[in-house]
All heavy atoms as atom14 arrays in JSON, in Angstrom:
{
  "sequence": "KQHFVKHWRIHTEEMLFKCSECSKCFTNKHELVNHRRIQTGEKPF",
  "atom14_mask": [
    [1, 1, 1, 1, 1, 1, 1, 1, 1, 0, 0, 0, 0, 0],
    [1, 1, 1, 1, 1, 1, 1, 1, 1, 0, 0, 0, 0, 0],
    [1, 1, 1, 1, 1, 1, 1, 1, 1, 1, 0, 0, 0, 0],
    [1, 1, 1, 1, 1, 1, 1, 1, 1, 1, 1, 0, 0, 0],
    [1, 1, 1, 1, 1, 1, 1, 0, 0, 0, 0, 0, 0, 0],
    [1, 1, 1, 1, 1, 1, 1, 1, 1, 0, 0, 0, 0, 0],
    [1, 1, 1, 1, 1, 1, 1, 1, 1, 1, 0, 0, 0, 0],
    [1, 1, 1, 1, 1, 1, 1, 1, 1, 1, 1, 1, 1, 1],
    [1, 1, 1, 1, 1, 1, 1, 1, 1, 1, 1, 0, 0, 0],
    [1, 1, 1, 1, 1, 1, 1, 1, 0, 0, 0, 0, 0, 0],
    [1, 1, 1, 1, 1, 1, 1, 1, 1, 1, 0, 0, 0, 0],
    [1, 1, 1, 1, 1, 1, 1, 0, 0, 0, 0, 0, 0, 0],
    [1, 1, 1, 1, 1, 1, 1, 1, 1, 0, 0, 0, 0, 0],
    [1, 1, 1, 1, 1, 1, 1, 1, 1, 0, 0, 0, 0, 0],
    [1, 1, 1, 1, 1, 1, 1, 1, 0, 0, 0, 0, 0, 0],
    [1, 1, 1, 1, 1, 1, 1, 1, 0, 0, 0, 0, 0, 0],
    [1, 1, 1, 1, 1, 1, 1, 1, 1, 1, 1, 0, 0, 0],
    [1, 1, 1, 1, 1, 1, 1, 1, 1, 0, 0, 0, 0, 0],
    [1, 1, 1, 1, 1, 1, 0, 0, 0, 0, 0, 0, 0, 0],
    [1, 1, 1, 1, 1, 1, 0, 0, 0, 0, 0, 0, 0, 0],
    [1, 1, 1, 1, 1, 1, 1, 1, 1, 0, 0, 0, 0, 0],
    [1, 1, 1, 1, 1, 1, 0, 0, 0, 0, 0, 0, 0, 0],
    [1, 1, 1, 1, 1, 1, 0, 0, 0, 0, 0, 0, 0, 0],
    [1, 1, 1, 1, 1, 1, 1, 1, 1, 0, 0, 0, 0, 0],
    [1, 1, 1, 1, 1, 1, 0, 0, 0, 0, 0, 0, 0, 0],
    [1, 1, 1, 1, 1, 1, 1, 1, 1, 1, 1, 0, 0, 0],
    [1, 1, 1, 1, 1, 1, 1, 0, 0, 0, 0, 0, 0, 0],
    [1, 1, 1, 1, 1, 1, 1, 1, 0, 0, 0, 0, 0, 0],
    [1, 1, 1, 1, 1, 1, 1, 1, 1, 0, 0, 0, 0, 0],
    [1, 1, 1, 1, 1, 1, 1, 1, 1, 1, 0, 0, 0, 0],
    [1, 1, 1, 1, 1, 1, 1, 1, 1, 0, 0, 0, 0, 0],
    [1, 1, 1, 1, 1, 1, 1, 1, 0, 0, 0, 0, 0, 0],
    [1, 1, 1, 1, 1, 1, 1, 0, 0, 0, 0, 0, 0, 0],
    [1, 1, 1, 1, 1, 1, 1, 1, 0, 0, 0, 0, 0, 0],
    [1, 1, 1, 1, 1, 1, 1, 1, 1, 1, 0, 0, 0, 0],
    [1, 1, 1, 1, 1, 1, 1, 1, 1, 1, 1, 0, 0, 0],
    [1, 1, 1, 1, 1, 1, 1, 1, 1, 1, 1, 0, 0, 0],
    [1, 1, 1, 1, 1, 1, 1, 1, 0, 0, 0, 0, 0, 0],
    [1, 1, 1, 1, 1, 1, 1, 1, 1, 0, 0, 0, 0, 0],
    [1, 1, 1, 1, 1, 1, 1, 0, 0, 0, 0, 0, 0, 0],
    [1, 1, 1, 1, 0, 0, 0, 0, 0, 0, 0, 0, 0, 0],
    [1, 1, 1, 1, 1, 1, 1, 1, 1, 0, 0, 0, 0, 0],
    [1, 1, 1, 1, 1, 1, 1, 1, 1, 0, 0, 0, 0, 0],
    [1, 1, 1, 1, 1, 1, 1, 0, 0, 0, 0, 0, 0, 0],
    [1, 1, 1, 1, 1, 1, 1, 1, 1, 1, 1, 0, 0, 0]
  ],
  "atom14_positions": [
    [[-7.93, 8.32, -2.92], [-7.05, 8.22, -1.74], [-5.86, 7.31, -2.02], [-4.74, 7.59, -1.59], [-7.84, 7.68, -0.55], [-7.04, 7.69, 0.75], [-7.88, 7.23, 1.93], [-7.07, 7.25, 3.21], [-7.88, 6.84, 4.39], [0.0, 0.0, 0.0], [0.0, 0.0, 0.0], [0.0, 0.0, 0.0], [0.0, 0.0, 0.0], [0.0, 0.0, 0.0]],
    [[-6.08, 6.21, -2.77], [-4.99, 5.26, -3.04], [-3.88, 5.92, -3.85], [-2.7, 5.61, -3.67], [-5.53, 4.03, -3.75], [-6.11, 4.31, -5.14], [-6.71, 3.06, -5.75], [-7.29, 2.23, -5.05], [-6.58, 2.91, -7.05], [0.0, 0.0, 0.0], [0.0, 0.0, 0.0], [0.0, 0.0, 0.0], [0.0, 0.0, 0.0], [0.0, 0.0, 0.0]],
    [[-4.24, 6.84, -4.75], [-3.23, 7.55, -5.54], [-2.46, 8.53, -4.66], [-1.25, 8.72, -4.84], [-3.9, 8.29, -6.7], [-4.49, 7.38, -7.72], [-5.4, 7.8, -8.66], [-4.29, 6.05, -7.96], [-5.75, 6.78, -9.43], [-5.09, 5.71, -9.01], [0.0, 0.0, 0.0], [0.0, 0.0, 0.0], [0.0, 0.0, 0.0], [0.0, 0.0, 0.0]],
    [[-3.18, 9.15, -3.71], [-2.52, 10.06, -2.78], [-1.53, 9.32, -1.9], [-0.4, 9.77, -1.69], [-3.56, 10.76, -1.91], [-2.99, 11.43, -0.69], [-2.16, 12.55, -0.82], [-3.23, 10.93, 0.58], [-1.62, 13.17, 0.3], [-2.68, 11.53, 1.7], [-1.87, 12.65, 1.56], [0.0, 0.0, 0.0], [0.0, 0.0, 0.0], [0.0, 0.0, 0.0]],
    [[-1.93, 8.15, -1.37], [-1.06, 7.34, -0.5], [0.2, 6.91, -1.24], [1.31, 6.98, -0.71], [-1.82, 6.09, 0.02], [-0.87, 5.14, 0.73], [-2.95, 6.51, 0.95], [0.0, 0.0, 0.0], [0.0, 0.0, 0.0], [0.0, 0.0, 0.0], [0.0, 0.0, 0.0], [0.0, 0.0, 0.0], [0.0, 0.0, 0.0], [0.0, 0.0, 0.0]],
    [[0.01, 6.51, -2.5], [1.15, 6.11, -3.34], [2.11, 7.28, -3.55], [3.33, 7.14, -3.45], [0.63, 5.6, -4.68], [1.71, 5.18, -5.64], [1.09, 4.73, -6.96], [2.16, 4.46, -7.99], [1.57, 4.07, -9.3], [0.0, 0.0, 0.0], [0.0, 0.0, 0.0], [0.0, 0.0, 0.0], [0.0, 0.0, 0.0], [0.0, 0.0, 0.0]],
    [[1.56, 8.45, -3.81], [2.37, 9.65, -4.01], [3.12, 10.02, -2.73], [4.29, 10.41, -2.77], [1.48, 10.81, -4.45], [2.13, 12.15, -4.35], [3.02, 12.62, -5.29], [2.04, 13.12, -3.39], [3.44, 13.82, -4.94], [2.87, 14.15, -3.79], [0.0, 0.0, 0.0], [0.0, 0.0, 0.0], [0.0, 0.0, 0.0], [0.0, 0.0, 0.0]],
    [[2.45, 9.93, -1.59], [3.03, 10.33, -0.31], [4.31, 9.56, 0.01], [5.23, 10.08, 0.64], [2.01, 10.13, 0.8], [2.5, 10.52, 2.16], [2.76, 9.71, 3.21], [2.81, 11.85, 2.61], [3.2, 10.43, 4.3], [3.24, 11.75, 3.95], [2.76, 13.11, 2.01], [3.63, 12.86, 4.69], [3.14, 14.21, 2.76], [3.57, 14.09, 4.07]],
    [[4.38, 8.33, -0.48], [5.57, 7.5, -0.23], [6.82, 8.09, -0.87], [7.94, 7.81, -0.45], [5.33, 6.07, -0.76], [4.36, 5.27, 0.09], [4.05, 3.94, -0.53], [3.13, 3.16, 0.29], [2.38, 2.17, -0.15], [2.42, 1.84, -1.44], [1.58, 1.52, 0.65], [0.0, 0.0, 0.0], [0.0, 0.0, 0.0], [0.0, 0.0, 0.0]],
    [[6.64, 8.91, -1.91], [7.78, 9.57, -2.55], [8.45, 10.52, -1.57], [9.68, 10.63, -1.5], [7.32, 10.34, -3.81], [6.77, 9.38, -4.85], [8.47, 11.17, -4.4], [6.09, 10.06, -6.02], [0.0, 0.0, 0.0], [0.0, 0.0, 0.0], [0.0, 0.0, 0.0], [0.0, 0.0, 0.0], [0.0, 0.0, 0.0], [0.0, 0.0, 0.0]],
    [[7.64, 11.22, -0.79], [8.17, 12.17, 0.2], [8.74, 11.46, 1.43], [9.71, 11.92, 2.03], [7.07, 13.14, 0.64], [6.54, 14.0, -0.47], [7.33, 14.88, -1.17], [5.3, 14.08, -1.03], [6.59, 15.49, -2.09], [5.36, 15.03, -2.02], [0.0, 0.0, 0.0], [0.0, 0.0, 0.0], [0.0, 0.0, 0.0], [0.0, 0.0, 0.0]],
    [[8.11, 10.37, 1.84], [8.56, 9.66, 3.04], [9.68, 8.67, 2.73], [10.24, 8.06, 3.64], [7.39, 8.89, 3.68], [6.88, 7.94, 2.73], [6.28, 9.84, 4.09], [0.0, 0.0, 0.0], [0.0, 0.0, 0.0], [0.0, 0.0, 0.0], [0.0, 0.0, 0.0], [0.0, 0.0, 0.0], [0.0, 0.0, 0.0], [0.0, 0.0, 0.0]],
    [[9.97, 8.5, 1.4], [11.0, 7.56, 0.95], [10.66, 6.13, 1.35], [11.52, 5.31, 1.61], [12.38, 7.95, 1.48], [12.86, 9.28, 0.95], [14.26, 9.61, 1.4], [14.84, 8.82, 2.16], [14.77, 10.66, 0.98], [0.0, 0.0, 0.0], [0.0, 0.0, 0.0], [0.0, 0.0, 0.0], [0.0, 0.0, 0.0], [0.0, 0.0, 0.0]],
    [[9.35, 5.86, 1.42], [8.88, 4.52, 1.75], [8.84, 3.67, 0.47], [7.81, 3.42, -0.12], [7.49, 4.6, 2.38], [7.01, 3.27, 2.95], [5.59, 3.37, 3.51], [5.12, 4.48, 3.76], [4.98, 2.31, 3.68], [0.0, 0.0, 0.0], [0.0, 0.0, 0.0], [0.0, 0.0, 0.0], [0.0, 0.0, 0.0], [0.0, 0.0, 0.0]],
    [[10.01, 3.28, 0.02], [10.13, 2.5, -1.22], [10.45, 1.06, -0.82], [11.61, 0.69, -0.63], [11.23, 3.09, -2.09], [11.1, 4.6, -2.32], [9.78, 5.05, -3.44], [10.65, 5.04, -4.98], [0.0, 0.0, 0.0], [0.0, 0.0, 0.0], [0.0, 0.0, 0.0], [0.0, 0.0, 0.0], [0.0, 0.0, 0.0], [0.0, 0.0, 0.0]],
    [[9.43, 0.24, -0.69], [9.57, -1.07, -0.07], [9.98, -2.19, -1.02], [10.47, -3.22, -0.58], [8.23, -1.45, 0.59], [7.66, -0.42, 1.59], [6.31, -0.91, 2.09], [8.62, -0.22, 2.75], [0.0, 0.0, 0.0], [0.0, 0.0, 0.0], [0.0, 0.0, 0.0], [0.0, 0.0, 0.0], [0.0, 0.0, 0.0], [0.0, 0.0, 0.0]],
    [[9.79, -1.99, -2.32], [10.01, -3.09, -3.26], [11.23, -2.8, -4.13], [11.23, -1.88, -4.94], [8.76, -3.31, -4.1], [7.55, -3.65, -3.27], [6.71, -2.66, -2.8], [7.29, -4.97, -2.94], [5.6, -2.98, -2.01], [6.18, -5.29, -2.15], [5.35, -4.3, -1.69], [0.0, 0.0, 0.0], [0.0, 0.0, 0.0], [0.0, 0.0, 0.0]],
    [[12.26, -3.62, -3.96], [13.56, -3.38, -4.59], [13.85, -4.4, -5.69], [13.66, -5.6, -5.5], [14.66, -3.43, -3.53], [16.04, -3.03, -4.02], [17.01, -3.0, -2.85], [18.4, -2.57, -3.28], [19.34, -2.53, -2.14], [0.0, 0.0, 0.0], [0.0, 0.0, 0.0], [0.0, 0.0, 0.0], [0.0, 0.0, 0.0], [0.0, 0.0, 0.0]],
    [[14.31, -3.91, -6.83], [14.68, -4.79, -7.94], [16.03, -5.44, -7.65], [17.01, -4.76, -7.32], [14.77, -3.98, -9.23], [15.37, -4.94, -10.64], [0.0, 0.0, 0.0], [0.0, 0.0, 0.0], [0.0, 0.0, 0.0], [0.0, 0.0, 0.0], [0.0, 0.0, 0.0], [0.0, 0.0, 0.0], [0.0, 0.0, 0.0], [0.0, 0.0, 0.0]],
    [[16.08, -6.76, -7.78], [17.31, -7.5, -7.48], [18.38, -7.31, -8.55], [19.56, -7.58, -8.31], [16.99, -8.99, -7.34], [16.4, -9.48, -8.54], [0.0, 0.0, 0.0], [0.0, 0.0, 0.0], [0.0, 0.0, 0.0], [0.0, 0.0, 0.0], [0.0, 0.0, 0.0], [0.0, 0.0, 0.0], [0.0, 0.0, 0.0], [0.0, 0.0, 0.0]],
    [[17.97, -6.82, -9.72], [18.91, -6.64, -10.83], [19.63, -5.29, -10.79], [20.84, -5.21, -10.98], [18.17, -6.79, -12.17], [17.66, -8.19, -12.45], [18.78, -9.19, -12.65], [19.8, -8.82, -13.27], [18.64, -10.34, -12.21], [0.0, 0.0, 0.0], [0.0, 0.0, 0.0], [0.0, 0.0, 0.0], [0.0, 0.0, 0.0], [0.0, 0.0, 0.0]],
    [[18.86, -4.22, -10.57], [19.45, -2.88, -10.64], [19.31, -2.07, -9.35], [19.72, -0.91, -9.29], [18.82, -2.09, -11.8], [17.07, -1.72, -11.56], [0.0, 0.0, 0.0], [0.0, 0.0, 0.0], [0.0, 0.0, 0.0], [0.0, 0.0, 0.0], [0.0, 0.0, 0.0], [0.0, 0.0, 0.0], [0.0, 0.0, 0.0], [0.0, 0.0, 0.0]],
    [[18.7, -2.67, -8.31], [18.54, -2.04, -7.0], [17.59, -0.84, -6.99], [17.5, -0.11, -6.02], [19.89, -1.6, -6.42], [20.72, -2.72, -6.26], [0.0, 0.0, 0.0], [0.0, 0.0, 0.0], [0.0, 0.0, 0.0], [0.0, 0.0, 0.0], [0.0, 0.0, 0.0], [0.0, 0.0, 0.0], [0.0, 0.0, 0.0], [0.0, 0.0, 0.0]],
    [[16.86, -0.61, -8.09], [15.87, 0.46, -8.13], [14.7, 0.06, -7.24], [14.31, -1.12, -7.19], [15.39, 0.69, -9.57], [14.57, 1.95, -9.74], [14.29, 2.23, -11.21], [13.53, 3.54, -11.36], [13.26, 3.85, -12.79], [0.0, 0.0, 0.0], [0.0, 0.0, 0.0], [0.0, 0.0, 0.0], [0.0, 0.0, 0.0], [0.0, 0.0, 0.0]],
    [[14.13, 1.03, -6.52], [13.06, 0.73, -5.56], [11.72, 1.31, -6.01], [11.66, 2.33, -6.7], [13.42, 1.28, -4.19], [14.88, 0.49, -3.47], [0.0, 0.0, 0.0], [0.0, 0.0, 0.0], [0.0, 0.0, 0.0], [0.0, 0.0, 0.0], [0.0, 0.0, 0.0], [0.0, 0.0, 0.0], [0.0, 0.0, 0.0], [0.0, 0.0, 0.0]],
    [[10.64, 0.67, -5.56], [9.29, 1.07, -5.95], [8.37, 1.08, -4.74], [8.63, 0.41, -3.74], [8.75, 0.11, -7.02], [9.59, 0.09, -8.26], [10.67, -0.79, -8.37], [9.34, 0.96, -9.3], [11.46, -0.8, -9.51], [10.13, 0.95, -10.44], [11.19, 0.08, -10.55], [0.0, 0.0, 0.0], [0.0, 0.0, 0.0], [0.0, 0.0, 0.0]],
    [[7.27, 1.85, -4.87], [6.34, 1.99, -3.74], [5.39, 0.82, -3.61], [4.79, 0.61, -2.56], [5.52, 3.28, -3.89], [4.84, 3.26, -5.16], [6.41, 4.52, -3.81], [0.0, 0.0, 0.0], [0.0, 0.0, 0.0], [0.0, 0.0, 0.0], [0.0, 0.0, 0.0], [0.0, 0.0, 0.0], [0.0, 0.0, 0.0], [0.0, 0.0, 0.0]],
    [[5.2, 0.04, -4.69], [4.33, -1.13, -4.58], [4.83, -2.27, -5.48], [5.63, -2.06, -6.39], [2.87, -0.78, -4.93], [2.72, -0.22, -6.33], [3.0, -0.91, -7.29], [2.29, 1.03, -6.44], [0.0, 0.0, 0.0], [0.0, 0.0, 0.0], [0.0, 0.0, 0.0], [0.0, 0.0, 0.0], [0.0, 0.0, 0.0], [0.0, 0.0, 0.0]],
    [[4.34, -3.46, -5.2], [4.79, -4.66, -5.89], [4.44, -4.63, -7.37], [5.19, -5.11, -8.23], [4.17, -5.9, -5.23], [4.73, -7.21, -5.77], [4.14, -8.4, -5.03], [4.7, -9.71, -5.56], [4.16, -10.9, -4.83], [0.0, 0.0, 0.0], [0.0, 0.0, 0.0], [0.0, 0.0, 0.0], [0.0, 0.0, 0.0], [0.0, 0.0, 0.0]],
    [[3.28, -4.04, -7.7], [2.83, -3.97, -9.09], [3.83, -3.21, -9.96], [4.14, -3.63, -11.08], [1.46, -3.29, -9.14], [0.88, -3.19, -10.51], [0.47, -4.3, -11.23], [0.66, -2.12, -11.32], [0.02, -3.92, -12.4], [0.13, -2.6, -12.49], [0.0, 0.0, 0.0], [0.0, 0.0, 0.0], [0.0, 0.0, 0.0], [0.0, 0.0, 0.0]],
    [[4.36, -2.1, -9.45], [5.35, -1.32, -10.2], [6.64, -2.1, -10.39], [7.28, -2.01, -11.45], [5.64, -0.01, -9.46], [4.51, 1.01, -9.56], [4.86, 2.31, -8.88], [5.85, 2.33, -8.11], [4.16, 3.3, -9.1], [0.0, 0.0, 0.0], [0.0, 0.0, 0.0], [0.0, 0.0, 0.0], [0.0, 0.0, 0.0], [0.0, 0.0, 0.0]],
    [[7.04, -2.85, -9.37], [8.25, -3.67, -9.47], [8.07, -4.76, -10.55], [8.98, -5.0, -11.35], [8.56, -4.32, -8.12], [9.71, -5.33, -8.11], [11.01, -4.68, -8.57], [9.88, -5.94, -6.72], [0.0, 0.0, 0.0], [0.0, 0.0, 0.0], [0.0, 0.0, 0.0], [0.0, 0.0, 0.0], [0.0, 0.0, 0.0], [0.0, 0.0, 0.0]],
    [[6.89, -5.39, -10.57], [6.61, -6.44, -11.56], [6.7, -5.87, -12.97], [7.31, -6.46, -13.87], [5.22, -7.06, -11.31], [4.81, -7.97, -12.49], [5.22, -7.88, -10.02], [0.0, 0.0, 0.0], [0.0, 0.0, 0.0], [0.0, 0.0, 0.0], [0.0, 0.0, 0.0], [0.0, 0.0, 0.0], [0.0, 0.0, 0.0], [0.0, 0.0, 0.0]],
    [[6.1, -4.69, -13.18], [6.15, -4.04, -14.51], [7.59, -3.69, -14.89], [7.99, -3.85, -16.05], [5.3, -2.78, -14.51], [3.82, -3.08, -14.53], [3.4, -4.12, -15.02], [3.02, -2.18, -13.98], [0.0, 0.0, 0.0], [0.0, 0.0, 0.0], [0.0, 0.0, 0.0], [0.0, 0.0, 0.0], [0.0, 0.0, 0.0], [0.0, 0.0, 0.0]],
    [[8.36, -3.23, -13.91], [9.77, -2.88, -14.13], [10.57, -4.11, -14.56], [11.38, -4.04, -15.5], [10.36, -2.27, -12.85], [11.84, -2.16, -12.87], [12.51, -1.19, -13.59], [12.8, -2.89, -12.23], [13.81, -1.33, -13.41], [14.02, -2.35, -12.59], [0.0, 0.0, 0.0], [0.0, 0.0, 0.0], [0.0, 0.0, 0.0], [0.0, 0.0, 0.0]],
    [[10.34, -5.23, -13.9], [11.07, -6.45, -14.21], [10.71, -6.96, -15.62], [11.56, -7.5, -16.33], [10.74, -7.55, -13.17], [11.32, -7.28, -11.8], [12.84, -7.42, -11.76], [13.27, -8.77, -12.08], [14.12, -9.08, -13.05], [14.65, -8.15, -13.81], [14.46, -10.33, -13.26], [0.0, 0.0, 0.0], [0.0, 0.0, 0.0], [0.0, 0.0, 0.0]],
    [[9.46, -6.77, -16.02], [9.04, -7.21, -17.36], [9.76, -6.42, -18.45], [10.08, -6.95, -19.51], [7.53, -7.05, -17.51], [6.73, -8.13, -16.8], [5.25, -7.86, -16.87], [4.5, -8.88, -16.14], [3.27, -8.7, -15.69], [2.64, -7.55, -15.89], [2.64, -9.67, -15.04], [0.0, 0.0, 0.0], [0.0, 0.0, 0.0], [0.0, 0.0, 0.0]],
    [[10.02, -5.15, -18.18], [10.74, -4.32, -19.14], [12.17, -4.84, -19.29], [12.72, -4.9, -20.39], [10.74, -2.84, -18.69], [9.32, -2.27, -18.78], [11.69, -2.0, -19.55], [9.17, -0.91, -18.14], [0.0, 0.0, 0.0], [0.0, 0.0, 0.0], [0.0, 0.0, 0.0], [0.0, 0.0, 0.0], [0.0, 0.0, 0.0], [0.0, 0.0, 0.0]],
    [[12.77, -5.24, -18.16], [14.14, -5.76, -18.18], [14.24, -7.11, -18.89], [15.17, -7.36, -19.65], [14.66, -5.89, -16.74], [14.94, -4.55, -16.07], [15.59, -4.75, -14.71], [15.24, -5.67, -13.97], [16.52, -3.89, -14.37], [0.0, 0.0, 0.0], [0.0, 0.0, 0.0], [0.0, 0.0, 0.0], [0.0, 0.0, 0.0], [0.0, 0.0, 0.0]],
    [[13.25, -7.97, -18.66], [13.3, -9.32, -19.23], [12.69, -9.38, -20.64], [12.92, -10.35, -21.36], [12.53, -10.31, -18.33], [11.16, -9.9, -18.24], [13.15, -10.36, -16.94], [0.0, 0.0, 0.0], [0.0, 0.0, 0.0], [0.0, 0.0, 0.0], [0.0, 0.0, 0.0], [0.0, 0.0, 0.0], [0.0, 0.0, 0.0], [0.0, 0.0, 0.0]],
    [[11.92, -8.36, -20.98], [11.26, -8.37, -22.29], [9.96, -9.16, -22.29], [9.35, -9.37, -23.35], [0.0, 0.0, 0.0], [0.0, 0.0, 0.0], [0.0, 0.0, 0.0], [0.0, 0.0, 0.0], [0.0, 0.0, 0.0], [0.0, 0.0, 0.0], [0.0, 0.0, 0.0], [0.0, 0.0, 0.0], [0.0, 0.0, 0.0], [0.0, 0.0, 0.0]],
    [[9.53, -9.59, -21.11], [8.3, -10.38, -21.0], [7.08, -9.52, -21.34], [6.94, -8.4, -20.85], [8.16, -10.92, -19.57], [6.9, -11.76, -19.37], [6.64, -12.08, -17.9], [7.43, -11.64, -17.04], [5.63, -12.73, -17.63], [0.0, 0.0, 0.0], [0.0, 0.0, 0.0], [0.0, 0.0, 0.0], [0.0, 0.0, 0.0], [0.0, 0.0, 0.0]],
    [[6.21, -10.06, -22.19], [4.97, -9.36, -22.57], [3.81, -10.35, -22.49], [3.42, -10.97, -23.48], [5.09, -8.79, -23.98], [6.14, -7.69, -24.11], [6.21, -7.13, -25.52], [7.22, -6.0, -25.61], [7.29, -5.43, -26.98], [0.0, 0.0, 0.0], [0.0, 0.0, 0.0], [0.0, 0.0, 0.0], [0.0, 0.0, 0.0], [0.0, 0.0, 0.0]],
    [[3.24, -10.51, -21.28], [2.26, -11.58, -21.06], [0.84, -11.27, -21.57], [-0.01, -12.16, -21.57], [2.26, -11.73, -19.55], [2.64, -10.38, -19.04], [3.59, -9.81, -20.05], [0.0, 0.0, 0.0], [0.0, 0.0, 0.0], [0.0, 0.0, 0.0], [0.0, 0.0, 0.0], [0.0, 0.0, 0.0], [0.0, 0.0, 0.0], [0.0, 0.0, 0.0]],
    [[0.59, -10.04, -21.99], [-0.77, -9.68, -22.4], [-0.87, -9.57, -23.93], [-0.29, -8.67, -24.53], [-1.19, -8.37, -21.73], [-1.11, -8.42, -20.23], [-0.04, -7.86, -19.56], [-2.09, -9.09, -19.5], [0.05, -7.93, -18.18], [-2.01, -9.17, -18.12], [-0.94, -8.59, -17.45], [0.0, 0.0, 0.0], [0.0, 0.0, 0.0], [0.0, 0.0, 0.0]]
  ]
}
């Protein structure tokens, strides 16, 4: 169900988490965090 809910946001345009650097939006905070790590080059694991 959680994967379905995440997908449904694509259709409803419910993109709540916005990157302050490039203004790209994401459906959840986890995706935004991963996106920011790609930009900064951070590799914490």
